[in-house]
Amino acid sequence: IHTAWDSIFAKNINEETRQSIFYEQFKWHIFSYEQQAC
């Protein structure tokens, strides 16, 4: 389930961006850093 969440909702977020927004610390940073429209 964790893997599916990552692969579906953050699939367009590359590794470099994930590191720059601290994705592993908080996955929701894809939304707060506006990397994913929501």
All heavy atoms as atom14 arrays in JSON, in Angstrom:
{
  "sequence": "IHTAWDSIFAKNINEETRQSIFYEQFKWHIFSYEQQAC",
  "atom14_mask": [
    [1, 1, 1, 1, 1, 1, 1, 1, 0, 0, 0, 0, 0, 0],
    [1, 1, 1, 1, 1, 1, 1, 1, 1, 1, 0, 0, 0, 0],
    [1, 1, 1, 1, 1, 1, 1, 0, 0, 0, 0, 0, 0, 0],
    [1, 1, 1, 1, 1, 0, 0, 0, 0, 0, 0, 0, 0, 0],
    [1, 1, 1, 1, 1, 1, 1, 1, 1, 1, 1, 1, 1, 1],
    [1, 1, 1, 1, 1, 1, 1, 1, 0, 0, 0, 0, 0, 0],
    [1, 1, 1, 1, 1, 1, 0, 0, 0, 0, 0, 0, 0, 0],
    [1, 1, 1, 1, 1, 1, 1, 1, 0, 0, 0, 0, 0, 0],
    [1, 1, 1, 1, 1, 1, 1, 1, 1, 1, 1, 0, 0, 0],
    [1, 1, 1, 1, 1, 0, 0, 0, 0, 0, 0, 0, 0, 0],
    [1, 1, 1, 1, 1, 1, 1, 1, 1, 0, 0, 0, 0, 0],
    [1, 1, 1, 1, 1, 1, 1, 1, 0, 0, 0, 0, 0, 0],
    [1, 1, 1, 1, 1, 1, 1, 1, 0, 0, 0, 0, 0, 0],
    [1, 1, 1, 1, 1, 1, 1, 1, 0, 0, 0, 0, 0, 0],
    [1, 1, 1, 1, 1, 1, 1, 1, 1, 0, 0, 0, 0, 0],
    [1, 1, 1, 1, 1, 1, 1, 1, 1, 0, 0, 0, 0, 0],
    [1, 1, 1, 1, 1, 1, 1, 0, 0, 0, 0, 0, 0, 0],
    [1, 1, 1, 1, 1, 1, 1, 1, 1, 1, 1, 0, 0, 0],
    [1, 1, 1, 1, 1, 1, 1, 1, 1, 0, 0, 0, 0, 0],
    [1, 1, 1, 1, 1, 1, 0, 0, 0, 0, 0, 0, 0, 0],
    [1, 1, 1, 1, 1, 1, 1, 1, 0, 0, 0, 0, 0, 0],
    [1, 1, 1, 1, 1, 1, 1, 1, 1, 1, 1, 0, 0, 0],
    [1, 1, 1, 1, 1, 1, 1, 1, 1, 1, 1, 1, 0, 0],
    [1, 1, 1, 1, 1, 1, 1, 1, 1, 0, 0, 0, 0, 0],
    [1, 1, 1, 1, 1, 1, 1, 1, 1, 0, 0, 0, 0, 0],
    [1, 1, 1, 1, 1, 1, 1, 1, 1, 1, 1, 0, 0, 0],
    [1, 1, 1, 1, 1, 1, 1, 1, 1, 0, 0, 0, 0, 0],
    [1, 1, 1, 1, 1, 1, 1, 1, 1, 1, 1, 1, 1, 1],
    [1, 1, 1, 1, 1, 1, 1, 1, 1, 1, 0, 0, 0, 0],
    [1, 1, 1, 1, 1, 1, 1, 1, 0, 0, 0, 0, 0, 0],
    [1, 1, 1, 1, 1, 1, 1, 1, 1, 1, 1, 0, 0, 0],
    [1, 1, 1, 1, 1, 1, 0, 0, 0, 0, 0, 0, 0, 0],
    [1, 1, 1, 1, 1, 1, 1, 1, 1, 1, 1, 1, 0, 0],
    [1, 1, 1, 1, 1, 1, 1, 1, 1, 0, 0, 0, 0, 0],
    [1, 1, 1, 1, 1, 1, 1, 1, 1, 0, 0, 0, 0, 0],
    [1, 1, 1, 1, 1, 1, 1, 1, 1, 0, 0, 0, 0, 0],
    [1, 1, 1, 1, 1, 0, 0, 0, 0, 0, 0, 0, 0, 0],
    [1, 1, 1, 1, 1, 1, 0, 0, 0, 0, 0, 0, 0, 0]
  ],
  "atom14_positions": [
    [[0.84, -1.2, 0.0], [0.0, 0.0, 0.0], [0.88, 1.25, 0.0], [0.64, 2.19, -0.76], [-0.97, 0.01, 1.21], [-1.88, -1.23, 1.17], [-1.77, 1.3, 1.26], [-2.73, -1.37, -0.07], [0.0, 0.0, 0.0], [0.0, 0.0, 0.0], [0.0, 0.0, 0.0], [0.0, 0.0, 0.0], [0.0, 0.0, 0.0], [0.0, 0.0, 0.0]],
    [[1.91, 1.26, 0.83], [2.84, 2.4, 0.85], [3.51, 2.58, -0.52], [3.61, 3.7, -1.03], [3.92, 2.2, 1.93], [3.46, 2.52, 3.31], [3.43, 3.8, 3.8], [3.03, 1.72, 4.31], [2.99, 3.79, 5.05], [2.74, 2.53, 5.38], [0.0, 0.0, 0.0], [0.0, 0.0, 0.0], [0.0, 0.0, 0.0], [0.0, 0.0, 0.0]],
    [[3.94, 1.49, -1.1], [4.59, 1.54, -2.41], [3.62, 2.04, -3.48], [3.99, 2.86, -4.33], [5.14, 0.15, -2.78], [6.1, -0.24, -1.79], [5.8, 0.16, -4.15], [0.0, 0.0, 0.0], [0.0, 0.0, 0.0], [0.0, 0.0, 0.0], [0.0, 0.0, 0.0], [0.0, 0.0, 0.0], [0.0, 0.0, 0.0], [0.0, 0.0, 0.0]],
    [[2.39, 1.57, -3.43], [1.38, 1.99, -4.41], [1.1, 3.49, -4.27], [0.98, 4.19, -5.27], [0.1, 1.19, -4.24], [0.0, 0.0, 0.0], [0.0, 0.0, 0.0], [0.0, 0.0, 0.0], [0.0, 0.0, 0.0], [0.0, 0.0, 0.0], [0.0, 0.0, 0.0], [0.0, 0.0, 0.0], [0.0, 0.0, 0.0], [0.0, 0.0, 0.0]],
    [[1.01, 3.99, -3.02], [0.78, 5.43, -2.83], [1.88, 6.23, -3.51], [1.61, 7.16, -4.26], [0.7, 5.78, -1.34], [0.06, 7.1, -1.09], [-1.24, 7.33, -0.73], [0.67, 8.41, -1.2], [-1.47, 8.69, -0.62], [-0.32, 9.37, -0.89], [1.94, 8.85, -1.51], [-0.06, 10.75, -0.9], [2.2, 10.22, -1.53], [1.21, 11.15, -1.22]],
    [[3.13, 5.84, -3.26], [4.27, 6.54, -3.87], [4.22, 6.47, -5.4], [4.39, 7.48, -6.08], [5.59, 5.92, -3.41], [5.92, 6.21, -1.96], [5.46, 7.23, -1.42], [6.64, 5.39, -1.36], [0.0, 0.0, 0.0], [0.0, 0.0, 0.0], [0.0, 0.0, 0.0], [0.0, 0.0, 0.0], [0.0, 0.0, 0.0], [0.0, 0.0, 0.0]],
    [[4.0, 5.28, -5.93], [4.09, 5.11, -7.38], [2.92, 5.74, -8.13], [3.06, 6.09, -9.29], [4.21, 3.62, -7.73], [3.03, 2.93, -7.39], [0.0, 0.0, 0.0], [0.0, 0.0, 0.0], [0.0, 0.0, 0.0], [0.0, 0.0, 0.0], [0.0, 0.0, 0.0], [0.0, 0.0, 0.0], [0.0, 0.0, 0.0], [0.0, 0.0, 0.0]],
    [[1.8, 5.91, -7.47], [0.64, 6.5, -8.14], [0.57, 8.01, -7.94], [0.43, 8.77, -8.89], [-0.67, 5.81, -7.68], [-0.66, 4.37, -8.18], [-1.89, 6.58, -8.14], [-1.71, 3.48, -7.58], [0.0, 0.0, 0.0], [0.0, 0.0, 0.0], [0.0, 0.0, 0.0], [0.0, 0.0, 0.0], [0.0, 0.0, 0.0], [0.0, 0.0, 0.0]],
    [[0.67, 8.46, -6.7], [0.44, 9.88, -6.42], [1.69, 10.74, -6.59], [1.59, 11.95, -6.73], [-0.17, 10.05, -5.04], [-1.51, 9.38, -4.92], [-1.68, 8.31, -4.08], [-2.58, 9.81, -5.69], [-2.91, 7.67, -3.98], [-3.82, 9.18, -5.62], [-3.98, 8.11, -4.75], [0.0, 0.0, 0.0], [0.0, 0.0, 0.0], [0.0, 0.0, 0.0]],
    [[2.86, 10.13, -6.58], [4.1, 10.89, -6.76], [4.89, 10.39, -7.97], [6.09, 10.61, -8.06], [4.95, 10.8, -5.5], [0.0, 0.0, 0.0], [0.0, 0.0, 0.0], [0.0, 0.0, 0.0], [0.0, 0.0, 0.0], [0.0, 0.0, 0.0], [0.0, 0.0, 0.0], [0.0, 0.0, 0.0], [0.0, 0.0, 0.0], [0.0, 0.0, 0.0]],
    [[4.2, 9.76, -8.9], [4.9, 9.13, -10.03], [5.64, 10.12, -10.92], [6.65, 9.78, -11.52], [3.94, 8.29, -10.86], [2.93, 9.08, -11.65], [2.03, 8.16, -12.44], [0.95, 8.96, -13.14], [-0.01, 8.1, -13.76], [0.0, 0.0, 0.0], [0.0, 0.0, 0.0], [0.0, 0.0, 0.0], [0.0, 0.0, 0.0], [0.0, 0.0, 0.0]],
    [[5.17, 11.35, -10.99], [5.83, 12.34, -11.85], [6.87, 13.18, -11.1], [7.42, 14.11, -11.67], [4.79, 13.26, -12.5], [4.02, 14.06, -11.47], [3.73, 13.57, -10.39], [3.69, 15.29, -11.8], [0.0, 0.0, 0.0], [0.0, 0.0, 0.0], [0.0, 0.0, 0.0], [0.0, 0.0, 0.0], [0.0, 0.0, 0.0], [0.0, 0.0, 0.0]],
    [[7.17, 12.82, -9.87], [8.14, 13.56, -9.07], [9.47, 12.8, -9.11], [9.58, 11.71, -8.55], [7.68, 13.71, -7.6], [6.22, 14.19, -7.51], [8.62, 14.63, -6.83], [5.94, 15.53, -8.11], [0.0, 0.0, 0.0], [0.0, 0.0, 0.0], [0.0, 0.0, 0.0], [0.0, 0.0, 0.0], [0.0, 0.0, 0.0], [0.0, 0.0, 0.0]],
    [[10.46, 13.39, -9.79], [11.74, 12.68, -9.93], [12.53, 12.7, -8.62], [12.21, 13.43, -7.67], [12.57, 13.26, -11.09], [13.0, 14.69, -10.86], [13.37, 15.09, -9.76], [12.95, 15.49, -11.91], [0.0, 0.0, 0.0], [0.0, 0.0, 0.0], [0.0, 0.0, 0.0], [0.0, 0.0, 0.0], [0.0, 0.0, 0.0], [0.0, 0.0, 0.0]],
    [[13.57, 11.9, -8.56], [14.35, 11.72, -7.34], [15.0, 13.03, -6.87], [15.03, 13.32, -5.67], [15.41, 10.63, -7.53], [16.11, 10.23, -6.25], [15.15, 9.74, -5.17], [14.16, 9.05, -5.48], [15.38, 10.07, -3.98], [0.0, 0.0, 0.0], [0.0, 0.0, 0.0], [0.0, 0.0, 0.0], [0.0, 0.0, 0.0], [0.0, 0.0, 0.0]],
    [[15.49, 13.81, -7.79], [16.12, 15.09, -7.42], [15.11, 16.02, -6.74], [15.4, 16.63, -5.71], [16.71, 15.76, -8.66], [17.43, 17.06, -8.36], [18.01, 17.7, -9.61], [18.32, 16.97, -10.58], [18.15, 18.92, -9.6], [0.0, 0.0, 0.0], [0.0, 0.0, 0.0], [0.0, 0.0, 0.0], [0.0, 0.0, 0.0], [0.0, 0.0, 0.0]],
    [[13.92, 16.1, -7.31], [12.87, 16.93, -6.71], [12.44, 16.36, -5.37], [12.26, 17.12, -4.4], [11.66, 17.04, -7.67], [12.1, 17.61, -8.9], [10.55, 17.87, -7.07], [0.0, 0.0, 0.0], [0.0, 0.0, 0.0], [0.0, 0.0, 0.0], [0.0, 0.0, 0.0], [0.0, 0.0, 0.0], [0.0, 0.0, 0.0], [0.0, 0.0, 0.0]],
    [[12.3, 15.05, -5.29], [11.94, 14.42, -4.01], [12.93, 14.81, -2.91], [12.52, 15.11, -1.79], [11.87, 12.9, -4.15], [10.67, 12.42, -4.92], [10.63, 10.92, -5.03], [9.57, 10.5, -5.93], [8.89, 9.38, -5.78], [9.17, 8.55, -4.81], [7.94, 9.07, -6.64], [0.0, 0.0, 0.0], [0.0, 0.0, 0.0], [0.0, 0.0, 0.0]],
    [[14.2, 14.81, -3.25], [15.21, 15.19, -2.25], [15.1, 16.66, -1.9], [15.19, 17.02, -0.73], [16.6, 14.86, -2.76], [16.89, 13.38, -2.77], [18.28, 13.05, -3.29], [19.11, 13.92, -3.5], [18.53, 11.77, -3.5], [0.0, 0.0, 0.0], [0.0, 0.0, 0.0], [0.0, 0.0, 0.0], [0.0, 0.0, 0.0], [0.0, 0.0, 0.0]],
    [[14.88, 17.51, -2.87], [14.84, 18.95, -2.62], [13.62, 19.38, -1.8], [13.66, 20.4, -1.11], [14.89, 19.74, -3.93], [13.68, 19.63, -4.64], [0.0, 0.0, 0.0], [0.0, 0.0, 0.0], [0.0, 0.0, 0.0], [0.0, 0.0, 0.0], [0.0, 0.0, 0.0], [0.0, 0.0, 0.0], [0.0, 0.0, 0.0], [0.0, 0.0, 0.0]],
    [[12.54, 18.59, -1.85], [11.34, 18.93, -1.06], [11.21, 18.06, 0.19], [10.19, 18.11, 0.87], [10.06, 18.85, -1.92], [9.77, 17.41, -2.37], [10.12, 19.82, -3.09], [8.41, 17.21, -3.02], [0.0, 0.0, 0.0], [0.0, 0.0, 0.0], [0.0, 0.0, 0.0], [0.0, 0.0, 0.0], [0.0, 0.0, 0.0], [0.0, 0.0, 0.0]],
    [[12.22, 17.25, 0.46], [12.23, 16.39, 1.66], [11.04, 15.42, 1.67], [10.38, 15.22, 2.68], [12.27, 17.24, 2.93], [13.35, 18.27, 2.92], [13.07, 19.6, 2.6], [14.66, 17.91, 3.17], [14.08, 20.55, 2.55], [15.68, 18.86, 3.13], [15.39, 20.17, 2.82], [0.0, 0.0, 0.0], [0.0, 0.0, 0.0], [0.0, 0.0, 0.0]],
    [[10.82, 14.81, 0.53], [9.7, 13.89, 0.34], [9.72, 12.74, 1.35], [8.68, 12.36, 1.88], [9.72, 13.35, -1.09], [8.63, 12.34, -1.39], [7.34, 12.75, -1.67], [8.91, 10.98, -1.42], [6.34, 11.84, -1.96], [7.92, 10.06, -1.71], [6.64, 10.49, -1.98], [5.66, 9.57, -2.25], [0.0, 0.0, 0.0], [0.0, 0.0, 0.0]],
    [[10.89, 12.18, 1.59], [10.96, 11.05, 2.52], [10.6, 11.46, 3.95], [10.14, 10.64, 4.74], [12.33, 10.39, 2.47], [12.58, 9.62, 1.19], [11.51, 8.58, 0.87], [11.08, 7.84, 1.78], [11.1, 8.51, -0.3], [0.0, 0.0, 0.0], [0.0, 0.0, 0.0], [0.0, 0.0, 0.0], [0.0, 0.0, 0.0], [0.0, 0.0, 0.0]],
    [[10.8, 12.71, 4.28], [10.42, 13.2, 5.61], [8.91, 13.31, 5.71], [8.3, 12.85, 6.67], [11.08, 14.55, 5.89], [10.81, 15.06, 7.28], [11.47, 16.41, 7.52], [12.03, 17.03, 6.62], [11.4, 16.87, 8.75], [0.0, 0.0, 0.0], [0.0, 0.0, 0.0], [0.0, 0.0, 0.0], [0.0, 0.0, 0.0], [0.0, 0.0, 0.0]],
    [[8.31, 13.94, 4.7], [6.85, 14.09, 4.64], [6.42, 13.99, 3.18], [6.7, 14.89, 2.38], [6.39, 15.43, 5.23], [6.66, 15.56, 6.69], [7.64, 16.43, 7.14], [5.95, 14.81, 7.62], [7.91, 16.55, 8.49], [6.21, 14.92, 8.96], [7.19, 15.79, 9.41], [0.0, 0.0, 0.0], [0.0, 0.0, 0.0], [0.0, 0.0, 0.0]],
    [[5.74, 12.93, 2.85], [5.29, 12.74, 1.48], [4.36, 13.86, 1.02], [4.31, 14.2, -0.15], [4.59, 11.39, 1.34], [5.5, 10.22, 1.57], [4.75, 8.91, 1.56], [5.69, 7.82, 1.97], [5.59, 6.64, 1.14], [0.0, 0.0, 0.0], [0.0, 0.0, 0.0], [0.0, 0.0, 0.0], [0.0, 0.0, 0.0], [0.0, 0.0, 0.0]],
    [[3.63, 14.44, 1.97], [2.69, 15.5, 1.6], [3.39, 16.76, 1.11], [2.73, 17.67, 0.59], [1.71, 15.82, 2.74], [2.28, 16.13, 4.08], [2.4, 15.27, 5.14], [2.76, 17.4, 4.56], [2.94, 15.93, 6.22], [3.16, 17.23, 5.89], [2.89, 18.67, 3.97], [3.68, 18.27, 6.66], [3.41, 19.7, 4.74], [3.8, 19.49, 6.06]],
    [[4.7, 16.79, 1.19], [5.44, 17.93, 0.63], [5.23, 18.06, -0.88], [5.42, 19.15, -1.44], [6.93, 17.82, 0.95], [7.27, 18.24, 2.34], [8.55, 18.15, 2.83], [6.52, 18.75, 3.35], [8.57, 18.57, 4.08], [7.35, 18.94, 4.42], [0.0, 0.0, 0.0], [0.0, 0.0, 0.0], [0.0, 0.0, 0.0], [0.0, 0.0, 0.0]],
    [[4.81, 16.99, -1.56], [4.52, 17.13, -2.99], [3.37, 18.12, -3.2], [3.29, 18.74, -4.26], [4.22, 15.78, -3.68], [2.97, 15.11, -3.12], [5.42, 14.87, -3.63], [2.53, 13.87, -3.87], [0.0, 0.0, 0.0], [0.0, 0.0, 0.0], [0.0, 0.0, 0.0], [0.0, 0.0, 0.0], [0.0, 0.0, 0.0], [0.0, 0.0, 0.0]],
    [[2.51, 18.27, -2.2], [1.41, 19.21, -2.29], [1.79, 20.58, -1.73], [1.5, 21.6, -2.34], [0.18, 18.67, -1.56], [-0.24, 17.31, -2.03], [-0.3, 16.24, -1.15], [-0.57, 17.08, -3.36], [-0.69, 14.98, -1.58], [-0.95, 15.83, -3.8], [-1.01, 14.78, -2.91], [0.0, 0.0, 0.0], [0.0, 0.0, 0.0], [0.0, 0.0, 0.0]],
    [[2.46, 20.61, -0.59], [2.81, 21.91, 0.01], [3.87, 22.65, -0.8], [3.88, 23.88, -0.81], [3.27, 21.72, 1.46], [4.46, 20.97, 1.53], [0.0, 0.0, 0.0], [0.0, 0.0, 0.0], [0.0, 0.0, 0.0], [0.0, 0.0, 0.0], [0.0, 0.0, 0.0], [0.0, 0.0, 0.0], [0.0, 0.0, 0.0], [0.0, 0.0, 0.0]],
    [[4.74, 21.92, -1.48], [5.73, 22.55, -2.36], [5.18, 22.7, -3.79], [5.92, 23.01, -4.71], [7.02, 21.72, -2.4], [7.93, 21.94, -1.21], [7.76, 21.21, -0.04], [8.97, 22.86, -1.27], [8.6, 21.4, 1.05], [9.82, 23.06, -0.18], [9.62, 22.32, 0.97], [10.46, 22.51, 2.05], [0.0, 0.0, 0.0], [0.0, 0.0, 0.0]],
    [[3.89, 22.43, -3.93], [3.17, 22.61, -5.19], [3.8, 21.87, -6.37], [3.86, 22.36, -7.49], [2.97, 24.09, -5.49], [2.15, 24.76, -4.41], [1.87, 26.23, -4.65], [2.46, 26.83, -5.57], [1.02, 26.77, -3.91], [0.0, 0.0, 0.0], [0.0, 0.0, 0.0], [0.0, 0.0, 0.0], [0.0, 0.0, 0.0], [0.0, 0.0, 0.0]],
    [[4.25, 20.65, -6.1], [4.77, 19.78, -7.14], [3.66, 18.95, -7.77], [3.84, 18.37, -8.83], [5.86, 18.85, -6.58], [7.05, 19.58, -6.03], [7.73, 20.41, -7.11], [8.1, 19.89, -8.16], [7.87, 21.7, -6.86], [0.0, 0.0, 0.0], [0.0, 0.0, 0.0], [0.0, 0.0, 0.0], [0.0, 0.0, 0.0], [0.0, 0.0, 0.0]],
    [[2.53, 18.9, -7.08], [1.37, 18.15, -7.55], [0.15, 19.05, -7.34], [-0.09, 19.52, -6.23], [1.24, 16.87, -6.74], [0.4, 15.78, -7.33], [1.03, 15.19, -8.57], [0.93, 15.79, -9.64], [1.64, 14.04, -8.46], [0.0, 0.0, 0.0], [0.0, 0.0, 0.0], [0.0, 0.0, 0.0], [0.0, 0.0, 0.0], [0.0, 0.0, 0.0]],
    [[-0.6, 19.32, -8.38], [-1.8, 20.14, -8.26], [-2.84, 19.4, -7.42], [-3.03, 18.19, -7.58], [-2.37, 20.46, -9.63], [0.0, 0.0, 0.0], [0.0, 0.0, 0.0], [0.0, 0.0, 0.0], [0.0, 0.0, 0.0], [0.0, 0.0, 0.0], [0.0, 0.0, 0.0], [0.0, 0.0, 0.0], [0.0, 0.0, 0.0], [0.0, 0.0, 0.0]],
    [[-3.47, 20.13, -6.51], [-4.45, 19.49, -5.62], [-5.38, 20.55, -5.06], [-5.14, 21.75, -5.18], [-3.74, 18.77, -4.48], [-2.89, 19.89, -3.35], [0.0, 0.0, 0.0], [0.0, 0.0, 0.0], [0.0, 0.0, 0.0], [0.0, 0.0, 0.0], [0.0, 0.0, 0.0], [0.0, 0.0, 0.0], [0.0, 0.0, 0.0], [0.0, 0.0, 0.0]]
  ]
}
